[in-house]
Amino acid sequence: MPEANRSGGDPKLIALFDKYGGRLVSPGGAAALLGLSRQTIHTLLKRGELRAFRSDEQDELMRDRPKWVYIPLDDIEAYGDRVGRRVRPS
């Protein structure tokens, strides 16, 4: 498998993926894994039940939102265990 080219890209995002071994999902991915709506995921994030890491840059099309948001898969699995929701395989 070819090595990733790290000469460019967002250093914060690269560090995040390195820290979590690539085990991150978007809020939509988290919703799919838990069988919940994206709105419910955002509510869980606001309550602090899940952690989210956000870009410092704003999205070019929707300027009020970060360019990217990722949730550690470990948080998704732990939440599923806490509330008795099986995490659906991707």
Protein backbone atom coordinates (compact mmCIF):
# COMPACT_ATOMS: atom_id res chain seq x y z
CA MET A 1 0.00 0.00 0.00
CA PRO A 2 1.40 3.44 -0.88
CA GLU A 3 2.38 5.83 1.89
CA ALA A 4 0.29 8.94 2.46
CA ASN A 5 1.69 12.14 1.02
CA ARG A 6 1.97 14.55 3.93
CA SER A 7 3.66 17.43 2.17
CA GLY A 8 0.36 19.33 2.19
CA GLY A 9 -2.96 19.37 3.93
CA ASP A 10 -4.24 20.58 7.26
CA PRO A 11 -1.60 19.89 9.95
CA LYS A 12 -4.26 19.81 12.69
CA LEU A 13 -6.24 17.16 10.78
CA ILE A 14 -3.11 15.10 10.09
CA ALA A 15 -2.15 15.20 13.79
CA LEU A 16 -5.70 14.22 14.78
CA PHE A 17 -5.76 11.20 12.49
CA ASP A 18 -2.29 10.19 13.68
CA LYS A 19 -3.33 10.48 17.34
CA TYR A 20 -6.41 8.29 16.86
CA GLY A 21 -4.94 5.91 14.30
CA GLY A 22 -7.50 7.01 11.74
CA ARG A 23 -10.35 5.82 13.98
CA LEU A 24 -12.53 8.90 13.51
CA VAL A 25 -15.93 9.44 11.95
CA SER A 26 -17.96 12.43 10.88
CA PRO A 27 -21.17 13.28 12.75
CA GLY A 28 -23.12 11.67 9.89
CA GLY A 29 -20.97 8.55 10.16
CA ALA A 30 -21.55 8.45 13.92
CA ALA A 31 -25.29 8.70 13.34
CA ALA A 32 -25.20 5.80 10.88
CA LEU A 33 -23.11 3.63 13.23
CA LEU A 34 -25.46 4.21 16.17
CA GLY A 35 -28.71 4.24 14.20
CA LEU A 36 -29.49 7.78 15.34
CA SER A 37 -30.19 11.05 13.52
CA ARG A 38 -27.46 13.60 12.89
CA GLN A 39 -29.42 16.02 15.08
CA THR A 40 -29.23 13.55 17.97
CA ILE A 41 -25.46 13.28 17.47
CA HIS A 42 -25.18 17.08 17.61
CA THR A 43 -27.25 17.07 20.81
CA LEU A 44 -24.93 14.45 22.34
CA LEU A 45 -21.95 16.61 21.36
CA LYS A 46 -23.51 19.67 23.03
CA ARG A 47 -24.17 17.64 26.19
CA GLY A 48 -20.55 16.49 26.24
CA GLU A 49 -21.48 12.82 25.87
CA LEU A 50 -19.28 12.60 22.76
CA ARG A 51 -16.14 14.55 21.89
CA ALA A 52 -15.73 16.34 18.58
CA PHE A 53 -12.67 17.89 17.01
CA ARG A 54 -13.23 20.77 14.61
CA SER A 55 -11.23 22.58 12.00
CA ASP A 56 -10.02 26.07 12.79
CA GLU A 57 -10.99 27.05 9.23
CA GLN A 58 -14.54 27.76 8.11
CA ASP A 59 -16.29 25.85 5.33
CA GLU A 60 -16.10 27.79 2.06
CA LEU A 61 -19.79 27.28 1.22
CA MET A 62 -21.32 27.45 4.70
CA ARG A 63 -19.13 30.01 6.42
CA ASP A 64 -20.75 29.54 9.83
CA ARG A 65 -19.50 25.94 10.06
CA PRO A 66 -16.05 24.42 10.45
CA LYS A 67 -14.40 22.88 7.41
CA TRP A 68 -14.37 19.45 9.09
CA VAL A 69 -15.65 17.78 12.28
CA TYR A 70 -14.59 14.33 13.50
CA ILE A 71 -15.61 12.17 16.46
CA PRO A 72 -13.34 9.42 17.85
CA LEU A 73 -14.74 5.97 17.09
CA ASP A 74 -13.84 4.95 20.66
CA ASP A 75 -16.35 7.55 21.92
CA ILE A 76 -19.05 6.14 19.63
CA GLU A 77 -18.41 2.59 20.84
CA ALA A 78 -18.33 3.66 24.51
CA TYR A 79 -21.59 5.58 24.14
CA GLY A 80 -23.21 2.58 22.47
CA ASP A 81 -22.10 0.37 25.36
CA ARG A 82 -23.38 2.87 27.96
CA VAL A 83 -26.86 3.13 26.48
CA GLY A 84 -27.22 -0.40 25.12
CA ARG A 85 -27.08 0.52 21.41
CA ARG A 86 -25.11 -1.85 19.25
CA VAL A 87 -22.70 -0.02 16.96
CA ARG A 88 -23.50 -1.11 13.42
CA PRO A 89 -20.51 -2.32 11.43
CA SER A 90 -19.48 0.00 8.64
